[in-house]
Amino acid sequence: MVPLMFTEGVGKHGFSVNHLVSLVSTNPAKLFGMYPEKGTIAIGSDADLVVFDPKKKVTIKAENLQTNCDWNPFEDWKLEGYPVTTISRGKVVAENGKFVGEVGRGRFLKRKPYGEL
């Protein structure tokens, strides 16, 4: 979703990167009652960070995505901008589209009641 939003929103429609972050991270964390544990980079937050290469070109292929679905409605879309590394609680868990983390290392975060933006 983030590469699609970056390509279409930032690249083609002039969204700022800050607005993109609000749409895909901060606002959902607030709506789902997980802010500020998620959705922000701050002391005490459980930030999962994505290193994003805004110039990396990728063509969407269902076979390359981490999903149990064998099709994608965006098959063959050309994207510019793609994640290259994902860091969870200080450990690299994905690099260049491949999971390299430790299975079971995740941590359950109990949600608070529905929040407001």
PDB file of N, CA and C in Angstrom:
ATOM      1  N   MET A   1       0.818  -1.196   0.000  1.00  0.00           N
ATOM      2  CA  MET A   1       0.000   0.000   0.000  1.00  0.00           C
ATOM      3  C   MET A   1       0.866   1.266   0.000  1.00  0.00           C
ATOM      4  N   VAL A   2       1.910   1.294   0.824  1.00  0.00           N
ATOM      5  CA  VAL A   2       2.729   2.512   0.909  1.00  0.00           C
ATOM      6  C   VAL A   2       3.383   2.837  -0.439  1.00  0.00           C
ATOM      7  N   PRO A   3       3.970   1.870  -1.135  1.00  0.00           N
ATOM      8  CA  PRO A   3       4.544   2.219  -2.442  1.00  0.00           C
ATOM      9  C   PRO A   3       3.497   2.736  -3.441  1.00  0.00           C
ATOM     10  N   LEU A   4       2.296   2.164  -3.420  1.00  0.00           N
ATOM     11  CA  LEU A   4       1.231   2.673  -4.287  1.00  0.00           C
ATOM     12  C   LEU A   4       0.872   4.105  -3.925  1.00  0.00           C
ATOM     13  N   MET A   5       0.705   4.350  -2.630  1.00  0.00           N
ATOM     14  CA  MET A   5       0.350   5.701  -2.162  1.00  0.00           C
ATOM     15  C   MET A   5       1.472   6.692  -2.473  1.00  0.00           C
ATOM     16  N   PHE A   6       2.719   6.246  -2.348  1.00  0.00           N
ATOM     17  CA  PHE A   6       3.845   7.134  -2.648  1.00  0.00           C
ATOM     18  C   PHE A   6       3.860   7.469  -4.139  1.00  0.00           C
ATOM     19  N   THR A   7       3.768   6.430  -4.979  1.00  0.00           N
ATOM     20  CA  THR A   7       3.812   6.649  -6.427  1.00  0.00           C
ATOM     21  C   THR A   7       2.675   7.550  -6.890  1.00  0.00           C
ATOM     22  N   GLU A   8       1.458   7.219  -6.474  1.00  0.00           N
ATOM     23  CA  GLU A   8       0.284   7.964  -6.937  1.00  0.00           C
ATOM     24  C   GLU A   8       0.102   9.292  -6.192  1.00  0.00           C
ATOM     25  N   GLY A   9       0.196   9.251  -4.862  1.00  0.00           N
ATOM     26  CA  GLY A   9      -0.081  10.446  -4.066  1.00  0.00           C
ATOM     27  C   GLY A   9       1.038  11.468  -4.096  1.00  0.00           C
ATOM     28  N   VAL A  10       2.241  11.024  -3.748  1.00  0.00           N
ATOM     29  CA  VAL A  10       3.380  11.948  -3.701  1.00  0.00           C
ATOM     30  C   VAL A  10       3.885  12.239  -5.110  1.00  0.00           C
ATOM     31  N   GLY A  11       4.131  11.158  -5.877  1.00  0.00           N
ATOM     32  CA  GLY A  11       4.724  11.328  -7.202  1.00  0.00           C
ATOM     33  C   GLY A  11       3.824  12.001  -8.219  1.00  0.00           C
ATOM     34  N   LYS A  12       2.550  11.612  -8.260  1.00  0.00           N
ATOM     35  CA  LYS A  12       1.667  12.112  -9.319  1.00  0.00           C
ATOM     36  C   LYS A  12       0.719  13.224  -8.878  1.00  0.00           C
ATOM     37  N   HIS A  13       0.403  13.293  -7.586  1.00  0.00           N
ATOM     38  CA  HIS A  13      -0.611  14.258  -7.146  1.00  0.00           C
ATOM     39  C   HIS A  13      -0.101  15.285  -6.135  1.00  0.00           C
ATOM     40  N   GLY A  14       1.202  15.271  -5.863  1.00  0.00           N
ATOM     41  CA  GLY A  14       1.801  16.334  -5.064  1.00  0.00           C
ATOM     42  C   GLY A  14       1.585  16.277  -3.559  1.00  0.00           C
ATOM     43  N   PHE A  15       1.152  15.110  -3.015  1.00  0.00           N
ATOM     44  CA  PHE A  15       1.076  15.001  -1.559  1.00  0.00           C
ATOM     45  C   PHE A  15       2.468  15.216  -0.983  1.00  0.00           C
ATOM     46  N   SER A  16       2.545  15.805   0.195  1.00  0.00           N
ATOM     47  CA  SER A  16       3.839  15.857   0.880  1.00  0.00           C
ATOM     48  C   SER A  16       4.101  14.487   1.505  1.00  0.00           C
ATOM     49  N   VAL A  17       5.356  14.180   1.757  1.00  0.00           N
ATOM     50  CA  VAL A  17       5.706  12.925   2.434  1.00  0.00           C
ATOM     51  C   VAL A  17       5.098  12.924   3.833  1.00  0.00           C
ATOM     52  N   ASN A  18       5.053  14.068   4.501  1.00  0.00           N
ATOM     53  CA  ASN A  18       4.427  14.139   5.827  1.00  0.00           C
ATOM     54  C   ASN A  18       2.947  13.770   5.760  1.00  0.00           C
ATOM     55  N   HIS A  19       2.249  14.216   4.727  1.00  0.00           N
ATOM     56  CA  HIS A  19       0.833  13.867   4.573  1.00  0.00           C
ATOM     57  C   HIS A  19       0.685  12.358   4.347  1.00  0.00           C
ATOM     58  N   LEU A  20       1.561  11.770   3.550  1.00  0.00           N
ATOM     59  CA  LEU A  20       1.542  10.327   3.318  1.00  0.00           C
ATOM     60  C   LEU A  20       1.715   9.572   4.639  1.00  0.00           C
ATOM     61  N   VAL A  21       2.661   9.992   5.465  1.00  0.00           N
ATOM     62  CA  VAL A  21       2.890   9.348   6.762  1.00  0.00           C
ATOM     63  C   VAL A  21       1.640   9.453   7.635  1.00  0.00           C
ATOM     64  N   SER A  22       0.979  10.592   7.609  1.00  0.00           N
ATOM     65  CA  SER A  22      -0.280  10.741   8.350  1.00  0.00           C
ATOM     66  C   SER A  22      -1.324   9.746   7.866  1.00  0.00           C
ATOM     67  N   LEU A  23      -1.437   9.587   6.556  1.00  0.00           N
ATOM     68  CA  LEU A  23      -2.453   8.702   5.985  1.00  0.00           C
ATOM     69  C   LEU A  23      -2.204   7.229   6.278  1.00  0.00           C
ATOM     70  N   VAL A  24      -0.951   6.793   6.257  1.00  0.00           N
ATOM     71  CA  VAL A  24      -0.667   5.356   6.366  1.00  0.00           C
ATOM     72  C   VAL A  24      -0.160   4.925   7.735  1.00  0.00           C
ATOM     73  N   SER A  25       0.141   5.865   8.630  1.00  0.00           N
ATOM     74  CA  SER A  25       0.701   5.487   9.917  1.00  0.00           C
ATOM     75  C   SER A  25       0.050   6.209  11.092  1.00  0.00           C
ATOM     76  N   THR A  26       0.230   7.512  11.171  1.00  0.00           N
ATOM     77  CA  THR A  26      -0.232   8.262  12.339  1.00  0.00           C
ATOM     78  C   THR A  26      -1.742   8.184  12.527  1.00  0.00           C
ATOM     79  N   ASN A  27      -2.512   8.505  11.491  1.00  0.00           N
ATOM     80  CA  ASN A  27      -3.970   8.507  11.626  1.00  0.00           C
ATOM     81  C   ASN A  27      -4.536   7.115  11.906  1.00  0.00           C
ATOM     82  N   PRO A  28      -4.096   6.050  11.206  1.00  0.00           N
ATOM     83  CA  PRO A  28      -4.601   4.724  11.573  1.00  0.00           C
ATOM     84  C   PRO A  28      -4.266   4.337  13.023  1.00  0.00           C
ATOM     85  N   ALA A  29      -3.073   4.683  13.499  1.00  0.00           N
ATOM     86  CA  ALA A  29      -2.712   4.381  14.889  1.00  0.00           C
ATOM     87  C   ALA A  29      -3.666   5.085  15.854  1.00  0.00           C
ATOM     88  N   LYS A  30      -4.031   6.312  15.543  1.00  0.00           N
ATOM     89  CA  LYS A  30      -4.984   7.048  16.384  1.00  0.00           C
ATOM     90  C   LYS A  30      -6.370   6.410  16.318  1.00  0.00           C
ATOM     91  N   LEU A  31      -6.837   6.113  15.116  1.00  0.00           N
ATOM     92  CA  LEU A  31      -8.172   5.531  14.946  1.00  0.00           C
ATOM     93  C   LEU A  31      -8.308   4.172  15.635  1.00  0.00           C
ATOM     94  N   PHE A  32      -7.248   3.399  15.625  1.00  0.00           N
ATOM     95  CA  PHE A  32      -7.291   2.063  16.222  1.00  0.00           C
ATOM     96  C   PHE A  32      -6.860   2.051  17.683  1.00  0.00           C
ATOM     97  N   GLY A  33      -6.715   3.237  18.291  1.00  0.00           N
ATOM     98  CA  GLY A  33      -6.401   3.314  19.708  1.00  0.00           C
ATOM     99  C   GLY A  33      -5.010   2.836  20.063  1.00  0.00           C
ATOM    100  N   MET A  34      -4.050   3.006  19.147  1.00  0.00           N
ATOM    101  CA  MET A  34      -2.691   2.530  19.390  1.00  0.00           C
ATOM    102  C   MET A  34      -1.669   3.668  19.464  1.00  0.00           C
ATOM    103  N   TYR A  35      -2.135   4.877  19.331  1.00  0.00           N
ATOM    104  CA  TYR A  35      -1.258   6.043  19.390  1.00  0.00           C
ATOM    105  C   TYR A  35      -1.130   6.489  20.844  1.00  0.00           C
ATOM    106  N   PRO A  36       0.028   6.842  21.349  1.00  0.00           N
ATOM    107  CA  PRO A  36       1.307   7.052  20.685  1.00  0.00           C
ATOM    108  C   PRO A  36       2.252   5.849  20.741  1.00  0.00           C
ATOM    109  N   GLU A  37       1.754   4.675  21.158  1.00  0.00           N
ATOM    110  CA  GLU A  37       2.634   3.505  21.130  1.00  0.00           C
ATOM    111  C   GLU A  37       3.051   3.175  19.694  1.00  0.00           C
ATOM    112  N   LYS A  38       2.152   3.438  18.747  1.00  0.00           N
ATOM    113  CA  LYS A  38       2.427   3.271  17.314  1.00  0.00           C
ATOM    114  C   LYS A  38       2.092   4.580  16.621  1.00  0.00           C
ATOM    115  N   GLY A  39       2.616   4.758  15.409  1.00  0.00           N
ATOM    116  CA  GLY A  39       2.231   5.909  14.600  1.00  0.00           C
ATOM    117  C   GLY A  39       3.075   7.145  14.785  1.00  0.00           C
ATOM    118  N   THR A  40       4.112   7.066  15.611  1.00  0.00           N
ATOM    119  CA  THR A  40       5.000   8.217  15.803  1.00  0.00           C
ATOM    120  C   THR A  40       6.386   7.729  16.190  1.00  0.00           C
ATOM    121  N   ILE A  41       7.360   8.568  15.955  1.00  0.00           N
ATOM    122  CA  ILE A  41       8.721   8.289  16.418  1.00  0.00           C
ATOM    123  C   ILE A  41       8.951   9.185  17.618  1.00  0.00           C
ATOM    124  N   ALA A  42       8.938   8.579  18.803  1.00  0.00           N
ATOM    125  CA  ALA A  42       9.084   9.341  20.038  1.00  0.00           C
ATOM    126  C   ALA A  42       9.592   8.426  21.138  1.00  0.00           C
ATOM    127  N   ILE A  43      10.183   9.006  22.148  1.00  0.00           N
ATOM    128  CA  ILE A  43      10.646   8.233  23.293  1.00  0.00           C
ATOM    129  C   ILE A  43       9.458   7.497  23.896  1.00  0.00           C
ATOM    130  N   GLY A  44       9.620   6.198  24.126  1.00  0.00           N
ATOM    131  CA  GLY A  44       8.566   5.372  24.699  1.00  0.00           C
ATOM    132  C   GLY A  44       7.635   4.746  23.681  1.00  0.00           C
ATOM    133  N   SER A  45       7.731   5.144  22.425  1.00  0.00           N
ATOM    134  CA  SER A  45       6.886   4.558  21.383  1.00  0.00           C
ATOM    135  C   SER A  45       7.522   3.285  20.852  1.00  0.00           C
ATOM    136  N   ASP A  46       6.685   2.381  20.368  1.00  0.00           N
ATOM    137  CA  ASP A  46       7.133   1.112  19.786  1.00  0.00           C
ATOM    138  C   ASP A  46       7.218   1.299  18.280  1.00  0.00           C
ATOM    139  N   ALA A  47       8.194   2.053  17.858  1.00  0.00           N
ATOM    140  CA  ALA A  47       8.269   2.439  16.450  1.00  0.00           C
ATOM    141  C   ALA A  47       8.839   1.314  15.594  1.00  0.00           C
ATOM    142  N   ASP A  48       8.090   0.910  14.590  1.00  0.00           N
ATOM    143  CA  ASP A  48       8.608   0.063  13.528  1.00  0.00           C
ATOM    144  C   ASP A  48       8.922   1.024  12.392  1.00  0.00           C
ATOM    145  N   LEU A  49      10.150   1.017  11.947  1.00  0.00           N
ATOM    146  CA  LEU A  49      10.596   1.992  10.951  1.00  0.00           C
ATOM    147  C   LEU A  49      10.841   1.318   9.609  1.00  0.00           C
ATOM    148  N   VAL A  50      10.520   2.025   8.547  1.00  0.00           N
ATOM    149  CA  VAL A  50      10.763   1.542   7.199  1.00  0.00           C
ATOM    150  C   VAL A  50      11.735   2.499   6.528  1.00  0.00           C
ATOM    151  N   VAL A  51      12.828   1.946   6.011  1.00  0.00           N
ATOM    152  CA  VAL A  51      13.749   2.722   5.185  1.00  0.00           C
ATOM    153  C   VAL A  51      13.212   2.610   3.764  1.00  0.00           C
ATOM    154  N   PHE A  52      12.871   3.752   3.196  1.00  0.00           N
ATOM    155  CA  PHE A  52      12.152   3.817   1.931  1.00  0.00           C
ATOM    156  C   PHE A  52      13.024   4.498   0.890  1.00  0.00           C
ATOM    157  N   ASP A  53      13.252   3.837  -0.234  1.00  0.00           N
ATOM    158  CA  ASP A  53      14.026   4.420  -1.328  1.00  0.00           C
ATOM    159  C   ASP A  53      13.052   5.051  -2.319  1.00  0.00           C
ATOM    160  N   PRO A  54      12.974   6.385  -2.365  1.00  0.00           N
ATOM    161  CA  PRO A  54      11.991   7.044  -3.227  1.00  0.00           C
ATOM    162  C   PRO A  54      12.274   6.884  -4.721  1.00  0.00           C
ATOM    163  N   LYS A  55      13.438   6.394  -5.093  1.00  0.00           N
ATOM    164  CA  LYS A  55      13.790   6.246  -6.505  1.00  0.00           C
ATOM    165  C   LYS A  55      13.761   4.792  -6.974  1.00  0.00           C
ATOM    166  N   LYS A  56      13.591   3.841  -6.050  1.00  0.00           N
ATOM    167  CA  LYS A  56      13.591   2.427  -6.430  1.00  0.00           C
ATOM    168  C   LYS A  56      12.370   2.124  -7.291  1.00  0.00           C
ATOM    169  N   LYS A  57      12.608   1.519  -8.456  1.00  0.00           N
ATOM    170  CA  LYS A  57      11.530   1.189  -9.386  1.00  0.00           C
ATOM    171  C   LYS A  57      11.199  -0.296  -9.265  1.00  0.00           C
ATOM    172  N   VAL A  58       9.896  -0.566  -9.136  1.00  0.00           N
ATOM    173  CA  VAL A  58       9.407  -1.931  -8.952  1.00  0.00           C
ATOM    174  C   VAL A  58       8.130  -2.093  -9.771  1.00  0.00           C
ATOM    175  N   THR A  59       7.941  -3.277 -10.337  1.00  0.00           N
ATOM    176  CA  THR A  59       6.685  -3.637 -10.981  1.00  0.00           C
ATOM    177  C   THR A  59       5.970  -4.609 -10.060  1.00  0.00           C
ATOM    178  N   ILE A  60       4.717  -4.318  -9.725  1.00  0.00           N
ATOM    179  CA  ILE A  60       3.973  -5.173  -8.794  1.00  0.00           C
ATOM    180  C   ILE A  60       3.685  -6.518  -9.448  1.00  0.00           C
ATOM    181  N   LYS A  61       4.053  -7.583  -8.731  1.00  0.00           N
ATOM    182  CA  LYS A  61       3.770  -8.958  -9.130  1.00  0.00           C
ATOM    183  C   LYS A  61       3.283  -9.693  -7.893  1.00  0.00           C
ATOM    184  N   ALA A  62       2.142 -10.350  -7.983  1.00  0.00           N
ATOM    185  CA  ALA A  62       1.576 -11.067  -6.837  1.00  0.00           C
ATOM    186  C   ALA A  62       2.575 -12.061  -6.264  1.00  0.00           C
ATOM    187  N   GLU A  63       3.333 -12.707  -7.119  1.00  0.00           N
ATOM    188  CA  GLU A  63       4.290 -13.728  -6.659  1.00  0.00           C
ATOM    189  C   GLU A  63       5.403 -13.154  -5.793  1.00  0.00           C
ATOM    190  N   ASN A  64       5.629 -11.842  -5.847  1.00  0.00           N
ATOM    191  CA  ASN A  64       6.694 -11.214  -5.061  1.00  0.00           C
ATOM    192  C   ASN A  64       6.199 -10.605  -3.754  1.00  0.00           C
ATOM    193  N   LEU A  65       4.894 -10.651  -3.511  1.00  0.00           N
ATOM    194  CA  LEU A  65       4.329 -10.027  -2.315  1.00  0.00           C
ATOM    195  C   LEU A  65       4.186 -11.051  -1.190  1.00  0.00           C
ATOM    196  N   GLN A  66       4.266 -10.579   0.031  1.00  0.00           N
ATOM    197  CA  GLN A  66       4.131 -11.437   1.206  1.00  0.00           C
ATOM    198  C   GLN A  66       2.651 -11.538   1.571  1.00  0.00           C
ATOM    199  N   THR A  67       1.940 -12.397   0.871  1.00  0.00           N
ATOM    200  CA  THR A  67       0.508 -12.551   1.079  1.00  0.00           C
ATOM    201  C   THR A  67       0.110 -13.980   0.729  1.00  0.00           C
ATOM    202  N   ASN A  68      -1.025 -14.411   1.230  1.00  0.00           N
ATOM    203  CA  ASN A  68      -1.538 -15.739   0.888  1.00  0.00           C
ATOM    204  C   ASN A  68      -2.424 -15.716  -0.347  1.00  0.00           C
ATOM    205  N   CYS A  69      -2.517 -14.573  -0.975  1.00  0.00           N
ATOM    206  CA  CYS A  69      -3.358 -14.421  -2.165  1.00  0.00           C
ATOM    207  C   CYS A  69      -2.473 -14.545  -3.406  1.00  0.00           C
ATOM    208  N   ASP A  70      -2.955 -15.259  -4.417  1.00  0.00           N
ATOM    209  CA  ASP A  70      -2.135 -15.468  -5.614  1.00  0.00           C
ATOM    210  C   ASP A  70      -2.443 -14.476  -6.739  1.00  0.00           C
ATOM    211  N   TRP A  71      -3.152 -13.387  -6.404  1.00  0.00           N
ATOM    212  CA  TRP A  71      -3.432 -12.359  -7.396  1.00  0.00           C
ATOM    213  C   TRP A  71      -3.381 -10.993  -6.715  1.00  0.00           C
ATOM    214  N   ASN A  72      -3.304  -9.953  -7.515  1.00  0.00           N
ATOM    215  CA  ASN A  72      -3.266  -8.604  -6.984  1.00  0.00           C
ATOM    216  C   ASN A  72      -3.964  -7.683  -7.981  1.00  0.00           C
ATOM    217  N   PRO A  73      -4.880  -6.833  -7.513  1.00  0.00           N
ATOM    218  CA  PRO A  73      -5.573  -5.957  -8.460  1.00  0.00           C
ATOM    219  C   PRO A  73      -4.648  -4.932  -9.122  1.00  0.00           C
ATOM    220  N   PHE A  74      -3.448  -4.782  -8.582  1.00  0.00           N
ATOM    221  CA  PHE A  74      -2.500  -3.812  -9.133  1.00  0.00           C
ATOM    222  C   PHE A  74      -1.378  -4.490  -9.911  1.00  0.00           C
ATOM    223  N   GLU A  75      -1.592  -5.735 -10.294  1.00  0.00           N
ATOM    224  CA  GLU A  75      -0.600  -6.512 -11.036  1.00  0.00           C
ATOM    225  C   GLU A  75      -0.056  -5.704 -12.212  1.00  0.00           C
ATOM    226  N   ASP A  76       1.260  -5.680 -12.323  1.00  0.00           N
ATOM    227  CA  ASP A  76       2.002  -5.023 -13.410  1.00  0.00           C
ATOM    228  C   ASP A  76       2.043  -3.502 -13.331  1.00  0.00           C
ATOM    229  N   TRP A  77       1.508  -2.909 -12.246  1.00  0.00           N
ATOM    230  CA  TRP A  77       1.675  -1.459 -12.079  1.00  0.00           C
ATOM    231  C   TRP A  77       3.155  -1.166 -11.850  1.00  0.00           C
ATOM    232  N   LYS A  78       3.607  -0.101 -12.447  1.00  0.00           N
ATOM    233  CA  LYS A  78       4.998   0.340 -12.271  1.00  0.00           C
ATOM    234  C   LYS A  78       5.034   1.376 -11.148  1.00  0.00           C
ATOM    235  N   LEU A  79       5.862   1.117 -10.154  1.00  0.00           N
ATOM    236  CA  LEU A  79       5.974   2.004  -8.998  1.00  0.00           C
ATOM    237  C   LEU A  79       7.345   2.648  -8.952  1.00  0.00           C
ATOM    238  N   GLU A  80       7.397   3.837  -8.410  1.00  0.00           N
ATOM    239  CA  GLU A  80       8.689   4.470  -8.109  1.00  0.00           C
ATOM    240  C   GLU A  80       8.648   4.870  -6.650  1.00  0.00           C
ATOM    241  N   GLY A  81       9.475   4.181  -5.860  1.00  0.00           N
ATOM    242  CA  GLY A  81       9.512   4.338  -4.422  1.00  0.00           C
ATOM    243  C   GLY A  81       9.121   3.026  -3.774  1.00  0.00           C
ATOM    244  N   TYR A  82      10.025   2.452  -2.968  1.00  0.00           N
ATOM    245  CA  TYR A  82       9.757   1.135  -2.402  1.00  0.00           C
ATOM    246  C   TYR A  82      10.574   0.946  -1.132  1.00  0.00           C
ATOM    247  N   PRO A  83      10.010   0.214  -0.155  1.00  0.00           N
ATOM    248  CA  PRO A  83      10.771  -0.049   1.073  1.00  0.00           C
ATOM    249  C   PRO A  83      11.966  -0.962   0.791  1.00  0.00           C
ATOM    250  N   VAL A  84      13.066  -0.686   1.458  1.00  0.00           N
ATOM    251  CA  VAL A  84      14.250  -1.539   1.298  1.00  0.00           C
ATOM    252  C   VAL A  84      14.629  -2.240   2.603  1.00  0.00           C
ATOM    253  N   THR A  85      14.263  -1.655   3.732  1.00  0.00           N
ATOM    254  CA  THR A  85      14.572  -2.255   5.036  1.00  0.00           C
ATOM    255  C   THR A  85      13.450  -1.921   6.010  1.00  0.00           C
ATOM    256  N   THR A  86      13.084  -2.903   6.840  1.00  0.00           N
ATOM    257  CA  THR A  86      12.117  -2.671   7.910  1.00  0.00           C
ATOM    258  C   THR A  86      12.775  -3.034   9.228  1.00  0.00           C
ATOM    259  N   ILE A  87      12.650  -2.130  10.206  1.00  0.00           N
ATOM    260  CA  ILE A  87      13.256  -2.307  11.528  1.00  0.00           C
ATOM    261  C   ILE A  87      12.133  -2.334  12.563  1.00  0.00           C
ATOM    262  N   SER A  88      12.141  -3.370  13.401  1.00  0.00           N
ATOM    263  CA  SER A  88      11.149  -3.501  14.455  1.00  0.00           C
ATOM    264  C   SER A  88      11.869  -3.583  15.795  1.00  0.00           C
ATOM    265  N   ARG A  89      11.573  -2.616  16.666  1.00  0.00           N
ATOM    266  CA  ARG A  89      12.187  -2.545  17.994  1.00  0.00           C
ATOM    267  C   ARG A  89      13.708  -2.735  17.926  1.00  0.00           C
ATOM    268  N   GLY A  90      14.329  -2.048  16.963  1.00  0.00           N
ATOM    269  CA  GLY A  90      15.786  -2.024  16.870  1.00  0.00           C
ATOM    270  C   GLY A  90      16.414  -3.162  16.095  1.00  0.00           C
ATOM    271  N   LYS A  91      15.638  -4.081  15.586  1.00  0.00           N
ATOM    272  CA  LYS A  91      16.171  -5.226  14.827  1.00  0.00           C
ATOM    273  C   LYS A  91      15.646  -5.190  13.398  1.00  0.00           C
ATOM    274  N   VAL A  92      16.532  -5.457  12.443  1.00  0.00           N
ATOM    275  CA  VAL A  92      16.112  -5.540  11.042  1.00  0.00           C
ATOM    276  C   VAL A  92      15.271  -6.809  10.882  1.00  0.00           C
ATOM    277  N   VAL A  93      14.058  -6.653  10.344  1.00  0.00           N
ATOM    278  CA  VAL A  93      13.170  -7.807  10.153  1.00  0.00           C
ATOM    279  C   VAL A  93      12.871  -8.079   8.675  1.00  0.00           C
ATOM    280  N   ALA A  94      13.150  -7.126   7.813  1.00  0.00           N
ATOM    281  CA  ALA A  94      12.971  -7.337   6.372  1.00  0.00           C
ATOM    282  C   ALA A  94      14.002  -6.523   5.618  1.00  0.00           C
ATOM    283  N   GLU A  95      14.550  -7.137   4.585  1.00  0.00           N
ATOM    284  CA  GLU A  95      15.507  -6.457   3.709  1.00  0.00           C
ATOM    285  C   GLU A  95      15.216  -6.853   2.279  1.00  0.00           C
ATOM    286  N   ASN A  96      15.083  -5.839   1.415  1.00  0.00           N
ATOM    287  CA  ASN A  96      14.877  -6.058  -0.016  1.00  0.00           C
ATOM    288  C   ASN A  96      13.763  -7.065  -0.297  1.00  0.00           C
ATOM    289  N   GLY A  97      12.650  -6.921   0.415  1.00  0.00           N
ATOM    290  CA  GLY A  97      11.479  -7.744   0.166  1.00  0.00           C
ATOM    291  C   GLY A  97      11.487  -9.116   0.799  1.00  0.00           C
ATOM    292  N   LYS A  98      12.487  -9.430   1.591  1.00  0.00           N
ATOM    293  CA  LYS A  98      12.579 -10.746   2.222  1.00  0.00           C
ATOM    294  C   LYS A  98      12.573 -10.615   3.737  1.00  0.00           C
ATOM    295  N   PHE A  99      11.802 -11.475   4.411  1.00  0.00           N
ATOM    296  CA  PHE A  99      11.776 -11.513   5.867  1.00  0.00           C
ATOM    297  C   PHE A  99      13.091 -12.095   6.372  1.00  0.00           C
ATOM    298  N   VAL A 100      13.748 -11.372   7.274  1.00  0.00           N
ATOM    299  CA  VAL A 100      15.015 -11.840   7.849  1.00  0.00           C
ATOM    300  C   VAL A 100      14.961 -11.816   9.375  1.00  0.00           C
ATOM    301  N   GLY A 101      13.780 -11.593   9.915  1.00  0.00           N
ATOM    302  CA  GLY A 101      13.606 -11.485  11.360  1.00  0.00           C
ATOM    303  C   GLY A 101      13.481 -12.827  12.041  1.00  0.00           C
ATOM    304  N   GLU A 102      13.221 -12.765  13.318  1.00  0.00           N
ATOM    305  CA  GLU A 102      13.043 -13.949  14.144  1.00  0.00           C
ATOM    306  C   GLU A 102      11.538 -14.214  14.279  1.00  0.00           C
ATOM    307  N   VAL A 103      11.097 -15.392  13.888  1.00  0.00           N
ATOM    308  CA  VAL A 103       9.685 -15.751  13.992  1.00  0.00           C
ATOM    309  C   VAL A 103       9.269 -15.743  15.467  1.00  0.00           C
ATOM    310  N   GLY A 104       8.119 -15.135  15.747  1.00  0.00           N
ATOM    311  CA  GLY A 104       7.608 -15.100  17.114  1.00  0.00           C
ATOM    312  C   GLY A 104       8.121 -13.950  17.958  1.00  0.00           C
ATOM    313  N   ARG A 105       8.920 -13.064  17.372  1.00  0.00           N
ATOM    314  CA  ARG A 105       9.490 -11.953  18.117  1.00  0.00           C
ATOM    315  C   ARG A 105       8.498 -10.808  18.328  1.00  0.00           C
ATOM    316  N   GLY A 106       7.362 -10.863  17.661  1.00  0.00           N
ATOM    317  CA  GLY A 106       6.367  -9.799  17.771  1.00  0.00           C
ATOM    318  C   GLY A 106       5.857  -9.647  19.193  1.00  0.00           C
ATOM    319  N   ARG A 107       5.218  -8.516  19.438  1.00  0.00           N
ATOM    320  CA  ARG A 107       4.690  -8.227  20.767  1.00  0.00           C
ATOM    321  C   ARG A 107       3.276  -7.700  20.619  1.00  0.00           C
ATOM    322  N   PHE A 108       2.351  -8.254  21.402  1.00  0.00           N
ATOM    323  CA  PHE A 108       0.958  -7.834  21.350  1.00  0.00           C
ATOM    324  C   PHE A 108       0.807  -6.481  22.030  1.00  0.00           C
ATOM    325  N   LEU A 109       0.125  -5.558  21.347  1.00  0.00           N
ATOM    326  CA  LEU A 109      -0.194  -4.254  21.924  1.00  0.00           C
ATOM    327  C   LEU A 109      -1.698  -4.175  22.106  1.00  0.00           C
ATOM    328  N   LYS A 110      -2.142  -4.079  23.333  1.00  0.00           N
ATOM    329  CA  LYS A 110      -3.576  -3.961  23.595  1.00  0.00           C
ATOM    330  C   LYS A 110      -4.049  -2.583  23.151  1.00  0.00           C
ATOM    331  N   ARG A 111      -5.148  -2.575  22.415  1.00  0.00           N
ATOM    332  CA  ARG A 111      -5.705  -1.313  21.928  1.00  0.00           C
ATOM    333  C   ARG A 111      -6.487  -0.606  23.012  1.00  0.00           C
ATOM    334  N   LYS A 112      -6.475   0.703  22.914  1.00  0.00           N
ATOM    335  CA  LYS A 112      -7.358   1.527  23.735  1.00  0.00           C
ATOM    336  C   LYS A 112      -8.676   1.682  22.963  1.00  0.00           C
ATOM    337  N   PRO A 113      -9.715   2.214  23.566  1.00  0.00           N
ATOM    338  CA  PRO A 113     -10.958   2.445  22.825  1.00  0.00           C
ATOM    339  C   PRO A 113     -10.708   3.330  21.605  1.00  0.00           C
ATOM    340  N   TYR A 114     -11.614   3.256  20.659  1.00  0.00           N
ATOM    341  CA  TYR A 114     -11.569   4.043  19.444  1.00  0.00           C
ATOM    342  C   TYR A 114     -11.166   5.480  19.715  1.00  0.00           C
ATOM    343  N   GLY A 115     -10.174   5.971  18.970  1.00  0.00           N
ATOM    344  CA  GLY A 115      -9.685   7.325  19.186  1.00  0.00           C
ATOM    345  C   GLY A 115     -10.194   8.296  18.138  1.00  0.00           C
ATOM    346  N   GLU A 116      -9.811   9.528  18.303  1.00  0.00           N
ATOM    347  CA  GLU A 116     -10.152  10.574  17.349  1.00  0.00           C
ATOM    348  C   GLU A 116      -8.892  11.095  16.706  1.00  0.00           C
ATOM    349  N   LEU A 117      -9.041  11.614  15.507  1.00  0.00           N
ATOM    350  CA  LEU A 117      -7.909  12.235  14.823  1.00  0.00           C
ATOM    351  C   LEU A 117      -7.746  13.590  15.402  1.00  0.00           C
TER     352      LEU A 117
END
